PDB file of all heavy atoms in Angstrom:
ATOM      1  N   LEU A   1    -132.961 180.871  11.170  1.00  0.00           N
ATOM      2  CA  LEU A   1    -134.283 181.251  11.661  1.00  0.00           C
ATOM      3  C   LEU A   1    -135.331 180.190  11.321  1.00  0.00           C
ATOM      4  O   LEU A   1    -136.191 179.854  12.132  1.00  0.00           O
ATOM      5  CB  LEU A   1    -134.682 182.609  11.102  1.00  0.00           C
ATOM      6  CG  LEU A   1    -133.861 183.799  11.610  1.00  0.00           C
ATOM      7  CD1 LEU A   1    -134.199 185.062  10.816  1.00  0.00           C
ATOM      8  CD2 LEU A   1    -134.116 184.033  13.099  1.00  0.00           C
ATOM      9  N   ALA A   2    -135.261 179.686  10.090  1.00  0.00           N
ATOM     10  CA  ALA A   2    -136.217 178.666   9.679  1.00  0.00           C
ATOM     11  C   ALA A   2    -136.036 177.391  10.506  1.00  0.00           C
ATOM     12  O   ALA A   2    -137.019 176.761  10.939  1.00  0.00           O
ATOM     13  CB  ALA A   2    -136.046 178.352   8.199  1.00  0.00           C
ATOM     14  N   ALA A   3    -134.791 177.004  10.741  1.00  0.00           N
ATOM     15  CA  ALA A   3    -134.506 175.797  11.503  1.00  0.00           C
ATOM     16  C   ALA A   3    -134.943 175.940  12.959  1.00  0.00           C
ATOM     17  O   ALA A   3    -135.487 174.996  13.559  1.00  0.00           O
ATOM     18  CB  ALA A   3    -133.035 175.448  11.412  1.00  0.00           C
ATOM     19  N   ILE A   4    -134.690 177.119  13.541  1.00  0.00           N
ATOM     20  CA  ILE A   4    -135.103 177.354  14.925  1.00  0.00           C
ATOM     21  C   ILE A   4    -136.626 177.239  15.055  1.00  0.00           C
ATOM     22  O   ILE A   4    -137.145 176.645  16.020  1.00  0.00           O
ATOM     23  CB  ILE A   4    -134.613 178.733  15.391  1.00  0.00           C
ATOM     24  CG1 ILE A   4    -133.092 178.712  15.585  1.00  0.00           C
ATOM     25  CG2 ILE A   4    -135.298 179.149  16.703  1.00  0.00           C
ATOM     26  CD1 ILE A   4    -132.471 180.086  15.785  1.00  0.00           C
ATOM     27  N   ALA A   5    -137.334 177.792  14.070  1.00  0.00           N
ATOM     28  CA  ALA A   5    -138.799 177.696  14.088  1.00  0.00           C
ATOM     29  C   ALA A   5    -139.263 176.242  14.020  1.00  0.00           C
ATOM     30  O   ALA A   5    -140.210 175.845  14.709  1.00  0.00           O
ATOM     31  CB  ALA A   5    -139.381 178.499  12.930  1.00  0.00           C
ATOM     32  N   VAL A   6    -138.584 175.428  13.220  1.00  0.00           N
ATOM     33  CA  VAL A   6    -138.937 174.015  13.109  1.00  0.00           C
ATOM     34  C   VAL A   6    -138.689 173.305  14.454  1.00  0.00           C
ATOM     35  O   VAL A   6    -139.504 172.491  14.911  1.00  0.00           O
ATOM     36  CB  VAL A   6    -138.144 173.336  11.986  1.00  0.00           C
ATOM     37  CG1 VAL A   6    -138.299 171.812  12.053  1.00  0.00           C
ATOM     38  CG2 VAL A   6    -138.613 173.837  10.633  1.00  0.00           C
ATOM     39  N   LEU A   7    -137.556 173.619  15.100  1.00  0.00           N
ATOM     40  CA  LEU A   7    -137.272 172.993  16.391  1.00  0.00           C
ATOM     41  C   LEU A   7    -138.365 173.340  17.405  1.00  0.00           C
ATOM     42  O   LEU A   7    -138.780 172.495  18.202  1.00  0.00           O
ATOM     43  CB  LEU A   7    -135.917 173.455  16.916  1.00  0.00           C
ATOM     44  CG  LEU A   7    -134.677 173.038  16.101  1.00  0.00           C
ATOM     45  CD1 LEU A   7    -133.413 173.477  16.825  1.00  0.00           C
ATOM     46  CD2 LEU A   7    -134.657 171.538  15.857  1.00  0.00           C
ATOM     47  N   GLY A   8    -138.831 174.577  17.391  1.00  0.00           N
ATOM     48  CA  GLY A   8    -139.869 174.959  18.314  1.00  0.00           C
ATOM     49  C   GLY A   8    -141.202 174.284  18.024  1.00  0.00           C
ATOM     50  O   GLY A   8    -141.970 173.967  18.917  1.00  0.00           O
ATOM     51  N   ARG A   9    -141.459 174.062  16.728  1.00  0.00           N
ATOM     52  CA  ARG A   9    -142.734 173.476  16.315  1.00  0.00           C
ATOM     53  C   ARG A   9    -142.750 171.970  16.460  1.00  0.00           C
ATOM     54  O   ARG A   9    -143.794 171.371  16.736  1.00  0.00           O
ATOM     55  CB  ARG A   9    -142.977 173.896  14.868  1.00  0.00           C
ATOM     56  CG  ARG A   9    -144.289 173.497  14.272  1.00  0.00           C
ATOM     57  CD  ARG A   9    -144.662 174.435  13.135  1.00  0.00           C
ATOM     58  NE  ARG A   9    -143.562 174.704  12.226  1.00  0.00           N
ATOM     59  CZ  ARG A   9    -143.269 173.986  11.145  1.00  0.00           C
ATOM     60  NH1 ARG A   9    -143.988 172.917  10.850  1.00  0.00           N
ATOM     61  NH2 ARG A   9    -142.257 174.317  10.360  1.00  0.00           N
ATOM     62  N   ARG A  10    -141.617 171.335  16.223  1.00  0.00           N
ATOM     63  CA  ARG A  10    -141.585 169.871  16.188  1.00  0.00           C
ATOM     64  C   ARG A  10    -140.748 169.257  17.317  1.00  0.00           C
ATOM     65  O   ARG A  10    -140.783 168.040  17.518  1.00  0.00           O
ATOM     66  CB  ARG A  10    -140.945 169.432  14.847  1.00  0.00           C
ATOM     67  CG  ARG A  10    -141.751 169.782  13.599  1.00  0.00           C
ATOM     68  CD  ARG A  10    -142.843 168.782  13.362  1.00  0.00           C
ATOM     69  NE  ARG A  10    -142.345 167.428  13.422  1.00  0.00           N
ATOM     70  CZ  ARG A  10    -141.633 166.843  12.457  1.00  0.00           C
ATOM     71  NH1 ARG A  10    -141.361 167.486  11.330  1.00  0.00           N
ATOM     72  NH2 ARG A  10    -141.217 165.601  12.608  1.00  0.00           N
ATOM     73  N   GLY A  11    -140.003 170.083  18.030  1.00  0.00           N
ATOM     74  CA  GLY A  11    -139.081 169.544  19.010  1.00  0.00           C
ATOM     75  C   GLY A  11    -139.713 169.155  20.329  1.00  0.00           C
ATOM     76  O   GLY A  11    -140.897 169.315  20.557  1.00  0.00           O
ATOM     77  N   ASP A  12    -138.876 168.645  21.253  1.00  0.00           N
ATOM     78  CA  ASP A  12    -139.310 168.266  22.581  1.00  0.00           C
ATOM     79  C   ASP A  12    -138.216 168.673  23.559  1.00  0.00           C
ATOM     80  O   ASP A  12    -137.390 169.538  23.247  1.00  0.00           O
ATOM     81  CB  ASP A  12    -139.592 166.765  22.638  1.00  0.00           C
ATOM     82  CG  ASP A  12    -138.441 165.913  22.135  1.00  0.00           C
ATOM     83  OD1 ASP A  12    -137.282 166.395  22.189  1.00  0.00           O
ATOM     84  OD2 ASP A  12    -138.663 164.763  21.693  1.00  0.00           O
ATOM     85  N   SER A  13    -138.166 168.035  24.705  1.00  0.00           N
ATOM     86  CA  SER A  13    -137.180 168.426  25.729  1.00  0.00           C
ATOM     87  C   SER A  13    -135.742 168.261  25.257  1.00  0.00           C
ATOM     88  O   SER A  13    -134.830 168.923  25.755  1.00  0.00           O
ATOM     89  CB  SER A  13    -137.405 167.608  27.010  1.00  0.00           C
ATOM     90  OG  SER A  13    -137.279 166.201  26.737  1.00  0.00           O
ATOM     91  N   GLY A  14    -135.537 167.405  24.265  1.00  0.00           N
ATOM     92  CA  GLY A  14    -134.190 167.222  23.734  1.00  0.00           C
ATOM     93  C   GLY A  14    -133.651 168.437  23.021  1.00  0.00           C
ATOM     94  O   GLY A  14    -132.427 168.534  22.793  1.00  0.00           O
ATOM     95  N   GLN A  15    -134.526 169.389  22.675  1.00  0.00           N
ATOM     96  CA  GLN A  15    -134.082 170.598  21.969  1.00  0.00           C
ATOM     97  C   GLN A  15    -133.875 171.779  22.922  1.00  0.00           C
ATOM     98  O   GLN A  15    -133.484 172.855  22.480  1.00  0.00           O
ATOM     99  CB  GLN A  15    -135.117 170.988  20.901  1.00  0.00           C
ATOM    100  CG  GLN A  15    -135.463 169.884  19.933  1.00  0.00           C
ATOM    101  CD  GLN A  15    -134.274 169.310  19.228  1.00  0.00           C
ATOM    102  OE1 GLN A  15    -133.295 170.015  18.978  1.00  0.00           O
ATOM    103  NE2 GLN A  15    -134.326 168.030  18.900  1.00  0.00           N
ATOM    104  N   VAL A  16    -134.109 171.575  24.213  1.00  0.00           N
ATOM    105  CA  VAL A  16    -133.975 172.683  25.155  1.00  0.00           C
ATOM    106  C   VAL A  16    -132.557 173.239  25.184  1.00  0.00           C
ATOM    107  O   VAL A  16    -132.339 174.453  25.092  1.00  0.00           O
ATOM    108  CB  VAL A  16    -134.418 172.240  26.574  1.00  0.00           C
ATOM    109  CG1 VAL A  16    -133.980 173.287  27.606  1.00  0.00           C
ATOM    110  CG2 VAL A  16    -135.916 172.047  26.634  1.00  0.00           C
ATOM    111  N   ALA A  17    -131.577 172.356  25.333  1.00  0.00           N
ATOM    112  CA  ALA A  17    -130.191 172.814  25.485  1.00  0.00           C
ATOM    113  C   ALA A  17    -129.706 173.671  24.314  1.00  0.00           C
ATOM    114  O   ALA A  17    -129.213 174.787  24.521  1.00  0.00           O
ATOM    115  CB  ALA A  17    -129.270 171.609  25.692  1.00  0.00           C
ATOM    116  N   PRO A  18    -129.815 173.191  23.060  1.00  0.00           N
ATOM    117  CA  PRO A  18    -129.329 174.044  21.964  1.00  0.00           C
ATOM    118  C   PRO A  18    -130.146 175.335  21.830  1.00  0.00           C
ATOM    119  O   PRO A  18    -129.556 176.393  21.504  1.00  0.00           O
ATOM    120  CB  PRO A  18    -129.495 173.162  20.720  1.00  0.00           C
ATOM    121  CG  PRO A  18    -130.482 172.092  21.091  1.00  0.00           C
ATOM    122  CD  PRO A  18    -130.264 171.869  22.558  1.00  0.00           C
ATOM    123  N   LEU A  19    -131.435 175.278  22.085  1.00  0.00           N
ATOM    124  CA  LEU A  19    -132.242 176.496  21.952  1.00  0.00           C
ATOM    125  C   LEU A  19    -131.912 177.517  23.034  1.00  0.00           C
ATOM    126  O   LEU A  19    -131.934 178.726  22.770  1.00  0.00           O
ATOM    127  CB  LEU A  19    -133.731 176.144  21.992  1.00  0.00           C
ATOM    128  CG  LEU A  19    -134.290 175.519  20.712  1.00  0.00           C
ATOM    129  CD1 LEU A  19    -135.730 175.037  20.946  1.00  0.00           C
ATOM    130  CD2 LEU A  19    -134.260 176.519  19.557  1.00  0.00           C
ATOM    131  N   VAL A  20    -131.595 177.048  24.242  1.00  0.00           N
ATOM    132  CA  VAL A  20    -131.229 177.968  25.318  1.00  0.00           C
ATOM    133  C   VAL A  20    -129.939 178.705  24.945  1.00  0.00           C
ATOM    134  O   VAL A  20    -129.820 179.930  25.163  1.00  0.00           O
ATOM    135  CB  VAL A  20    -131.057 177.219  26.653  1.00  0.00           C
ATOM    136  CG1 VAL A  20    -130.346 178.094  27.680  1.00  0.00           C
ATOM    137  CG2 VAL A  20    -132.408 176.780  27.186  1.00  0.00           C
ATOM    138  N   LEU A  21    -128.993 177.995  24.386  1.00  0.00           N
ATOM    139  CA  LEU A  21    -127.741 178.650  23.965  1.00  0.00           C
ATOM    140  C   LEU A  21    -128.013 179.703  22.910  1.00  0.00           C
ATOM    141  O   LEU A  21    -127.416 180.795  22.946  1.00  0.00           O
ATOM    142  CB  LEU A  21    -126.762 177.585  23.418  1.00  0.00           C
ATOM    143  CG  LEU A  21    -126.223 176.583  24.443  1.00  0.00           C
ATOM    144  CD1 LEU A  21    -125.351 175.543  23.733  1.00  0.00           C
ATOM    145  CD2 LEU A  21    -125.436 177.291  25.533  1.00  0.00           C
ATOM    146  N   MET A  22    -128.906 179.423  21.981  1.00  0.00           N
ATOM    147  CA  MET A  22    -129.231 180.382  20.938  1.00  0.00           C
ATOM    148  C   MET A  22    -130.019 181.560  21.510  1.00  0.00           C
ATOM    149  O   MET A  22    -129.885 182.701  21.048  1.00  0.00           O
ATOM    150  CB  MET A  22    -130.009 179.712  19.807  1.00  0.00           C
ATOM    151  CG  MET A  22    -129.143 178.797  18.955  1.00  0.00           C
ATOM    152  SD  MET A  22    -130.064 177.952  17.652  1.00  0.00           S
ATOM    153  CE  MET A  22    -130.540 176.450  18.475  1.00  0.00           C
ATOM    154  N   ALA A  23    -130.859 181.294  22.502  1.00  0.00           N
ATOM    155  CA  ALA A  23    -131.647 182.367  23.116  1.00  0.00           C
ATOM    156  C   ALA A  23    -130.751 183.354  23.859  1.00  0.00           C
ATOM    157  O   ALA A  23    -131.183 184.484  24.146  1.00  0.00           O
ATOM    158  CB  ALA A  23    -132.670 181.767  24.073  1.00  0.00           C
ATOM    159  N   ALA A  24    -129.527 182.945  24.185  1.00  0.00           N
ATOM    160  CA  ALA A  24    -128.590 183.821  24.907  1.00  0.00           C
ATOM    161  C   ALA A  24    -127.608 184.525  23.979  1.00  0.00           C
ATOM    162  O   ALA A  24    -126.729 185.264  24.443  1.00  0.00           O
ATOM    163  CB  ALA A  24    -127.829 182.996  25.937  1.00  0.00           C
ATOM    164  N   GLU A  25    -127.762 184.332  22.681  1.00  0.00           N
ATOM    165  CA  GLU A  25    -126.839 184.953  21.717  1.00  0.00           C
ATOM    166  C   GLU A  25    -127.007 186.458  21.681  1.00  0.00           C
ATOM    167  O   GLU A  25    -128.085 187.005  21.973  1.00  0.00           O
ATOM    168  CB  GLU A  25    -127.046 184.359  20.327  1.00  0.00           C
ATOM    169  CG  GLU A  25    -126.542 182.937  20.176  1.00  0.00           C
ATOM    170  CD  GLU A  25    -126.540 182.474  18.719  1.00  0.00           C
ATOM    171  OE1 GLU A  25    -126.485 183.328  17.814  1.00  0.00           O
ATOM    172  OE2 GLU A  25    -126.607 181.253  18.496  1.00  0.00           O
ATOM    173  N   ALA A  26    -125.966 187.126  21.228  1.00  0.00           N
ATOM    174  CA  ALA A  26    -126.001 188.592  21.095  1.00  0.00           C
ATOM    175  C   ALA A  26    -126.889 189.042  19.942  1.00  0.00           C
ATOM    176  O   ALA A  26    -127.451 190.137  19.973  1.00  0.00           O
ATOM    177  CB  ALA A  26    -124.586 189.142  20.916  1.00  0.00           C
ATOM    178  N   ASP A  27    -126.983 188.207  18.923  1.00  0.00           N
ATOM    179  CA  ASP A  27    -127.853 188.514  17.778  1.00  0.00           C
ATOM    180  C   ASP A  27    -129.308 188.475  18.251  1.00  0.00           C
ATOM    181  O   ASP A  27    -129.865 187.411  18.532  1.00  0.00           O
ATOM    182  CB  ASP A  27    -127.637 187.479  16.677  1.00  0.00           C
ATOM    183  CG  ASP A  27    -128.374 187.812  15.400  1.00  0.00           C
ATOM    184  OD1 ASP A  27    -129.517 188.318  15.473  1.00  0.00           O
ATOM    185  OD2 ASP A  27    -127.826 187.567  14.294  1.00  0.00           O
ATOM    186  N   GLN A  28    -129.921 189.643  18.348  1.00  0.00           N
ATOM    187  CA  GLN A  28    -131.256 189.730  18.939  1.00  0.00           C
ATOM    188  C   GLN A  28    -132.322 189.015  18.129  1.00  0.00           C
ATOM    189  O   GLN A  28    -133.284 188.463  18.695  1.00  0.00           O
ATOM    190  CB  GLN A  28    -131.638 191.203  19.118  1.00  0.00           C
ATOM    191  CG  GLN A  28    -130.859 191.891  20.215  1.00  0.00           C
ATOM    192  CD  GLN A  28    -131.007 191.181  21.550  1.00  0.00           C
ATOM    193  OE1 GLN A  28    -132.131 191.012  22.058  1.00  0.00           O
ATOM    194  NE2 GLN A  28    -129.891 190.729  22.122  1.00  0.00           N
ATOM    195  N   GLU A  29    -132.167 188.989  16.810  1.00  0.00           N
ATOM    196  CA  GLU A  29    -133.162 188.303  15.991  1.00  0.00           C
ATOM    197  C   GLU A  29    -133.111 186.799  16.242  1.00  0.00           C
ATOM    198  O   GLU A  29    -134.158 186.142  16.379  1.00  0.00           O
ATOM    199  CB  GLU A  29    -132.938 188.602  14.516  1.00  0.00           C
ATOM    200  CG  GLU A  29    -134.062 188.095  13.623  1.00  0.00           C
ATOM    201  CD  GLU A  29    -133.903 188.509  12.162  1.00  0.00           C
ATOM    202  OE1 GLU A  29    -132.811 188.994  11.794  1.00  0.00           O
ATOM    203  OE2 GLU A  29    -134.859 188.325  11.396  1.00  0.00           O
ATOM    204  N   ILE A  30    -131.899 186.271  16.309  1.00  0.00           N
ATOM    205  CA  ILE A  30    -131.739 184.850  16.602  1.00  0.00           C
ATOM    206  C   ILE A  30    -132.228 184.527  18.016  1.00  0.00           C
ATOM    207  O   ILE A  30    -132.944 183.554  18.244  1.00  0.00           O
ATOM    208  CB  ILE A  30    -130.271 184.422  16.431  1.00  0.00           C
ATOM    209  CG1 ILE A  30    -129.821 184.560  14.971  1.00  0.00           C
ATOM    210  CG2 ILE A  30    -130.061 182.991  16.929  1.00  0.00           C
ATOM    211  CD1 ILE A  30    -130.517 183.616  14.027  1.00  0.00           C
ATOM    212  N   ALA A  31    -131.850 185.377  18.973  1.00  0.00           N
ATOM    213  CA  ALA A  31    -132.233 185.141  20.360  1.00  0.00           C
ATOM    214  C   ALA A  31    -133.744 185.172  20.534  1.00  0.00           C
ATOM    215  O   ALA A  31    -134.328 184.328  21.235  1.00  0.00           O
ATOM    216  CB  ALA A  31    -131.587 186.206  21.249  1.00  0.00           C
ATOM    217  N   LYS A  32    -134.390 186.124  19.881  1.00  0.00           N
ATOM    218  CA  LYS A  32    -135.859 186.225  19.979  1.00  0.00           C
ATOM    219  C   LYS A  32    -136.533 184.987  19.382  1.00  0.00           C
ATOM    220  O   LYS A  32    -137.502 184.444  19.950  1.00  0.00           O
ATOM    221  CB  LYS A  32    -136.323 187.487  19.254  1.00  0.00           C
ATOM    222  CG  LYS A  32    -137.824 187.709  19.330  1.00  0.00           C
ATOM    223  CD  LYS A  32    -138.217 188.994  18.609  1.00  0.00           C
ATOM    224  CE  LYS A  32    -139.719 189.216  18.660  1.00  0.00           C
ATOM    225  NZ  LYS A  32    -140.102 190.475  17.958  1.00  0.00           N
ATOM    226  N   ALA A  33    -136.011 184.541  18.247  1.00  0.00           N
ATOM    227  CA  ALA A  33    -136.581 183.348  17.603  1.00  0.00           C
ATOM    228  C   ALA A  33    -136.402 182.124  18.483  1.00  0.00           C
ATOM    229  O   ALA A  33    -137.306 181.272  18.595  1.00  0.00           O
ATOM    230  CB  ALA A  33    -135.925 183.131  16.233  1.00  0.00           C
ATOM    231  N   ALA A  34    -135.250 182.012  19.130  1.00  0.00           N
ATOM    232  CA  ALA A  34    -134.990 180.865  19.987  1.00  0.00           C
ATOM    233  C   ALA A  34    -135.896 180.895  21.231  1.00  0.00           C
ATOM    234  O   ALA A  34    -136.399 179.837  21.666  1.00  0.00           O
ATOM    235  CB  ALA A  34    -133.520 180.840  20.414  1.00  0.00           C
ATOM    236  N   ARG A  35    -136.113 182.069  21.787  1.00  0.00           N
ATOM    237  CA  ARG A  35    -137.008 182.161  22.944  1.00  0.00           C
ATOM    238  C   ARG A  35    -138.433 181.773  22.554  1.00  0.00           C
ATOM    239  O   ARG A  35    -139.140 181.082  23.300  1.00  0.00           O
ATOM    240  CB  ARG A  35    -136.997 183.583  23.519  1.00  0.00           C
ATOM    241  CG  ARG A  35    -135.695 183.943  24.251  1.00  0.00           C
ATOM    242  CD  ARG A  35    -135.877 185.176  25.105  1.00  0.00           C
ATOM    243  NE  ARG A  35    -136.260 186.347  24.338  1.00  0.00           N
ATOM    244  CZ  ARG A  35    -135.409 187.187  23.744  1.00  0.00           C
ATOM    245  NH1 ARG A  35    -134.104 186.965  23.836  1.00  0.00           N
ATOM    246  NH2 ARG A  35    -135.832 188.237  23.078  1.00  0.00           N
ATOM    247  N   ALA A  36    -138.861 182.219  21.370  1.00  0.00           N
ATOM    248  CA  ALA A  36    -140.190 181.845  20.870  1.00  0.00           C
ATOM    249  C   ALA A  36    -140.288 180.327  20.684  1.00  0.00           C
ATOM    250  O   ALA A  36    -141.312 179.715  21.020  1.00  0.00           O
ATOM    251  CB  ALA A  36    -140.490 182.558  19.566  1.00  0.00           C
ATOM    252  N   ALA A  37    -139.210 179.732  20.186  1.00  0.00           N
ATOM    253  CA  ALA A  37    -139.195 178.272  20.003  1.00  0.00           C
ATOM    254  C   ALA A  37    -139.274 177.552  21.334  1.00  0.00           C
ATOM    255  O   ALA A  37    -140.009 176.567  21.487  1.00  0.00           O
ATOM    256  CB  ALA A  37    -137.934 177.875  19.238  1.00  0.00           C
ATOM    257  N   LEU A  38    -138.530 178.062  22.327  1.00  0.00           N
ATOM    258  CA  LEU A  38    -138.580 177.434  23.662  1.00  0.00           C
ATOM    259  C   LEU A  38    -139.992 177.556  24.258  1.00  0.00           C
ATOM    260  O   LEU A  38    -140.462 176.642  24.932  1.00  0.00           O
ATOM    261  CB  LEU A  38    -137.573 178.139  24.593  1.00  0.00           C
ATOM    262  CG  LEU A  38    -136.098 177.763  24.354  1.00  0.00           C
ATOM    263  CD1 LEU A  38    -135.184 178.735  25.093  1.00  0.00           C
ATOM    264  CD2 LEU A  38    -135.833 176.325  24.815  1.00  0.00           C
ATOM    265  N   SER A  39    -140.647 178.656  23.990  1.00  0.00           N
ATOM    266  CA  SER A  39    -142.001 178.840  24.490  1.00  0.00           C
ATOM    267  C   SER A  39    -142.994 177.871  23.848  1.00  0.00           C
ATOM    268  O   SER A  39    -144.002 177.488  24.459  1.00  0.00           O
ATOM    269  CB  SER A  39    -142.468 180.273  24.268  1.00  0.00           C
ATOM    270  OG  SER A  39    -141.650 181.183  24.976  1.00  0.00           O
ATOM    271  N   ASN A  40    -142.682 177.440  22.615  1.00  0.00           N
ATOM    272  CA  ASN A  40    -143.614 176.578  21.858  1.00  0.00           C
ATOM    273  C   ASN A  40    -143.347 175.098  22.052  1.00  0.00           C
ATOM    274  O   ASN A  40    -144.185 174.278  21.654  1.00  0.00           O
ATOM    275  CB  ASN A  40    -143.509 176.914  20.368  1.00  0.00           C
ATOM    276  CG  ASN A  40    -144.108 178.272  20.045  1.00  0.00           C
ATOM    277  OD1 ASN A  40    -145.000 178.757  20.741  1.00  0.00           O
ATOM    278  ND2 ASN A  40    -143.613 178.887  18.989  1.00  0.00           N
TER     279      ASN A  40
END
């Protein structure tokens, strides 16, 4: 969760692919965090 938040805060288009995969995970907490990161 901490790492996903960092990717959303500091990342760029290069982080889209891994974050999209995480946003599709069954773990809702992880998926929600990844979607928030993609939005940021």
